[in-house]
């Protein structure tokens, strides 16, 4: 199912909840998902929201923190 951004009107009155909680309530009926990539909120298809394009895995070496903690 595609959504025509020029012809799809979405209205929803919500209060007292976070945007994180509101987005699924708004988007699920349209089969859309949201993702944050590089600080930008994307509203897109489920496939794209879960794709590697919008998700990056970073690995950090924290072994120096563990060694410093062991010396205390």
N, C-alpha and C. Protein backbone atom coordinates (compact mmCIF):
# COMPACT_ATOMS: atom_id res chain seq x y z
N UNK A 1 0.84 -1.18 0.00
CA UNK A 1 0.00 0.00 0.00
C UNK A 1 0.88 1.23 0.00
N UNK A 2 0.69 2.11 -0.94
CA UNK A 2 1.42 3.34 -0.99
C UNK A 2 0.59 4.49 -0.45
N UNK A 3 1.27 5.50 0.03
CA UNK A 3 0.60 6.68 0.56
C UNK A 3 1.02 7.86 -0.31
N UNK A 4 0.04 8.55 -0.85
CA UNK A 4 0.31 9.73 -1.67
C UNK A 4 0.46 10.93 -0.73
N UNK A 5 1.67 11.46 -0.57
CA UNK A 5 1.88 12.55 0.38
C UNK A 5 1.11 13.82 0.03
N UNK A 6 0.72 13.98 -1.22
CA UNK A 6 -0.02 15.17 -1.62
C UNK A 6 -1.52 15.04 -1.37
N UNK A 7 -2.03 13.82 -1.29
CA UNK A 7 -3.46 13.61 -1.16
C UNK A 7 -3.88 12.87 0.11
N UNK A 8 -2.96 12.64 1.02
CA UNK A 8 -3.28 11.94 2.25
C UNK A 8 -3.30 12.94 3.40
N UNK A 9 -4.46 13.11 4.00
CA UNK A 9 -4.61 14.02 5.12
C UNK A 9 -4.70 13.18 6.39
N UNK A 10 -3.87 13.53 7.36
CA UNK A 10 -3.87 12.81 8.63
C UNK A 10 -4.23 13.81 9.72
N UNK A 11 -5.25 13.48 10.48
CA UNK A 11 -5.60 14.31 11.64
C UNK A 11 -5.67 13.42 12.86
N UNK A 12 -5.16 13.93 13.96
CA UNK A 12 -5.14 13.16 15.20
C UNK A 12 -4.96 14.14 16.35
N UNK A 13 -5.84 14.06 17.34
CA UNK A 13 -5.72 14.90 18.53
C UNK A 13 -5.22 14.05 19.68
N UNK A 14 -4.04 14.36 20.14
CA UNK A 14 -3.45 13.65 21.26
C UNK A 14 -2.87 14.67 22.22
N UNK A 15 -2.91 14.37 23.49
CA UNK A 15 -2.26 15.25 24.46
C UNK A 15 -1.74 14.42 25.61
N UNK A 16 -0.72 14.93 26.23
CA UNK A 16 -0.16 14.26 27.39
C UNK A 16 0.69 13.06 27.10
N UNK A 17 1.08 12.86 25.83
CA UNK A 17 1.98 11.75 25.50
C UNK A 17 3.14 12.28 24.68
N UNK A 18 4.21 11.53 24.68
CA UNK A 18 5.40 11.94 23.93
C UNK A 18 5.20 11.69 22.44
N UNK A 19 6.02 12.35 21.64
CA UNK A 19 5.98 12.11 20.19
C UNK A 19 6.32 10.66 19.90
N UNK A 20 7.25 10.08 20.66
CA UNK A 20 7.62 8.67 20.49
C UNK A 20 6.41 7.76 20.65
N UNK A 21 5.51 8.09 21.56
CA UNK A 21 4.30 7.30 21.76
C UNK A 21 3.22 7.62 20.72
N UNK A 22 3.17 8.87 20.27
CA UNK A 22 2.13 9.30 19.33
C UNK A 22 2.38 8.78 17.92
N UNK A 23 3.62 8.73 17.49
CA UNK A 23 3.90 8.34 16.11
C UNK A 23 3.34 6.98 15.73
N UNK A 24 3.52 5.93 16.53
CA UNK A 24 2.92 4.65 16.14
C UNK A 24 1.39 4.71 16.04
N UNK A 25 0.76 5.46 16.93
CA UNK A 25 -0.69 5.59 16.88
C UNK A 25 -1.14 6.23 15.57
N UNK A 26 -0.38 7.19 15.11
CA UNK A 26 -0.71 7.91 13.88
C UNK A 26 -0.36 7.09 12.64
N UNK A 27 0.79 6.44 12.65
CA UNK A 27 1.33 5.83 11.43
C UNK A 27 0.91 4.39 11.17
N UNK A 28 0.56 3.64 12.20
CA UNK A 28 0.24 2.21 12.02
C UNK A 28 -0.89 1.98 11.02
N UNK A 29 -1.92 2.80 11.06
CA UNK A 29 -3.04 2.63 10.14
C UNK A 29 -2.67 2.85 8.69
N UNK A 30 -1.57 3.56 8.46
CA UNK A 30 -1.10 3.82 7.09
C UNK A 30 0.03 2.88 6.69
N UNK A 31 0.34 1.94 7.57
CA UNK A 31 1.44 1.00 7.36
C UNK A 31 2.75 1.73 7.15
N UNK A 32 2.97 2.75 7.96
CA UNK A 32 4.21 3.52 7.92
C UNK A 32 4.94 3.37 9.25
N UNK A 33 6.22 3.61 9.22
CA UNK A 33 7.06 3.57 10.42
C UNK A 33 7.91 4.83 10.45
N UNK A 34 8.54 5.05 11.59
CA UNK A 34 9.44 6.20 11.71
C UNK A 34 10.82 5.73 12.14
N UNK A 35 11.81 6.52 11.77
CA UNK A 35 13.19 6.23 12.16
C UNK A 35 13.93 7.56 12.23
N UNK A 36 14.91 7.62 13.09
CA UNK A 36 15.77 8.80 13.17
C UNK A 36 17.12 8.41 12.60
N UNK A 37 17.58 9.19 11.63
CA UNK A 37 18.87 8.95 10.97
C UNK A 37 19.60 10.27 10.87
N UNK A 38 20.79 10.33 11.45
CA UNK A 38 21.59 11.56 11.46
C UNK A 38 20.80 12.74 12.03
N UNK A 39 20.01 12.49 13.06
CA UNK A 39 19.27 13.55 13.72
C UNK A 39 18.03 14.02 12.99
N UNK A 40 17.62 13.31 11.95
CA UNK A 40 16.45 13.69 11.15
C UNK A 40 15.37 12.62 11.31
N UNK A 41 14.14 13.04 11.55
CA UNK A 41 13.01 12.12 11.66
C UNK A 41 12.52 11.77 10.27
N UNK A 42 12.53 10.47 9.95
CA UNK A 42 12.01 9.98 8.67
C UNK A 42 10.72 9.23 8.92
N UNK A 43 9.70 9.52 8.14
CA UNK A 43 8.47 8.74 8.13
C UNK A 43 8.47 8.02 6.80
N UNK A 44 8.48 6.70 6.85
CA UNK A 44 8.74 5.92 5.65
C UNK A 44 8.10 4.54 5.76
N UNK A 45 8.33 3.71 4.77
CA UNK A 45 7.80 2.34 4.79
C UNK A 45 8.52 1.52 5.86
N UNK A 46 7.87 0.44 6.29
CA UNK A 46 8.48 -0.43 7.30
C UNK A 46 9.80 -1.00 6.80
N UNK A 47 9.84 -1.38 5.53
CA UNK A 47 11.05 -1.98 4.96
C UNK A 47 12.21 -0.98 5.02
N UNK A 48 11.96 0.26 4.64
CA UNK A 48 13.04 1.25 4.65
C UNK A 48 13.42 1.64 6.07
N UNK A 49 12.44 1.73 6.96
CA UNK A 49 12.73 2.10 8.35
C UNK A 49 13.64 1.09 9.03
N UNK A 50 13.53 -0.17 8.63
CA UNK A 50 14.34 -1.22 9.23
C UNK A 50 15.57 -1.58 8.39
N UNK A 51 15.80 -0.87 7.30
CA UNK A 51 16.91 -1.18 6.41
C UNK A 51 18.23 -0.65 6.97
N UNK A 52 19.31 -1.17 6.43
CA UNK A 52 20.63 -0.70 6.82
C UNK A 52 20.84 0.76 6.43
N UNK A 53 20.09 1.22 5.45
CA UNK A 53 20.21 2.61 4.99
C UNK A 53 19.96 3.59 6.14
N UNK A 54 19.03 3.26 7.02
CA UNK A 54 18.69 4.16 8.11
C UNK A 54 19.26 3.72 9.46
N UNK A 55 19.95 2.59 9.51
CA UNK A 55 20.53 2.12 10.76
C UNK A 55 22.02 1.90 10.59
N UNK A 56 22.77 2.38 11.52
CA UNK A 56 24.21 2.20 11.51
C UNK A 56 24.64 1.62 12.84
N UNK A 57 25.45 0.59 12.78
CA UNK A 57 25.99 0.00 14.00
C UNK A 57 27.40 0.53 14.21
N UNK A 58 27.67 1.01 15.41
CA UNK A 58 29.01 1.50 15.74
C UNK A 58 29.55 0.69 16.90
N UNK A 59 30.82 0.35 16.82
CA UNK A 59 31.48 -0.41 17.87
C UNK A 59 32.60 0.46 18.43
N UNK A 60 32.62 0.58 19.74
CA UNK A 60 33.64 1.38 20.41
C UNK A 60 34.45 0.49 21.33
N UNK A 61 35.76 0.69 21.33
CA UNK A 61 36.64 -0.04 22.23
C UNK A 61 36.58 0.64 23.60
N UNK A 62 36.07 -0.04 24.58
CA UNK A 62 35.96 0.51 25.93
C UNK A 62 36.81 -0.29 26.92
N UNK A 63 37.74 -1.07 26.40
CA UNK A 63 38.54 -1.91 27.28
C UNK A 63 39.35 -1.08 28.26
N UNK A 64 39.76 0.13 27.88
CA UNK A 64 40.51 0.97 28.81
C UNK A 64 39.66 1.38 30.00
N UNK A 65 38.35 1.49 29.83
CA UNK A 65 37.47 1.80 30.95
C UNK A 65 37.38 0.62 31.91
N UNK A 66 37.37 -0.58 31.37
CA UNK A 66 37.30 -1.77 32.21
C UNK A 66 38.58 -1.96 33.00
N UNK A 67 39.71 -1.72 32.38
CA UNK A 67 40.99 -1.86 33.07
C UNK A 67 41.14 -0.82 34.16
N UNK A 68 40.71 0.42 33.89
CA UNK A 68 40.81 1.48 34.89
C UNK A 68 39.92 1.16 36.08
N UNK A 69 38.77 0.60 35.83
CA UNK A 69 37.83 0.25 36.90
C UNK A 69 38.40 -0.87 37.76
N UNK A 70 39.14 -1.80 37.17
CA UNK A 70 39.70 -2.94 37.89
C UNK A 70 40.83 -2.51 38.83
N UNK A 71 41.51 -1.41 38.51
CA UNK A 71 42.63 -0.93 39.34
C UNK A 71 42.17 -0.19 40.58
N UNK A 72 40.91 0.17 40.64
CA UNK A 72 40.42 0.97 41.78
C UNK A 72 40.21 0.13 43.00
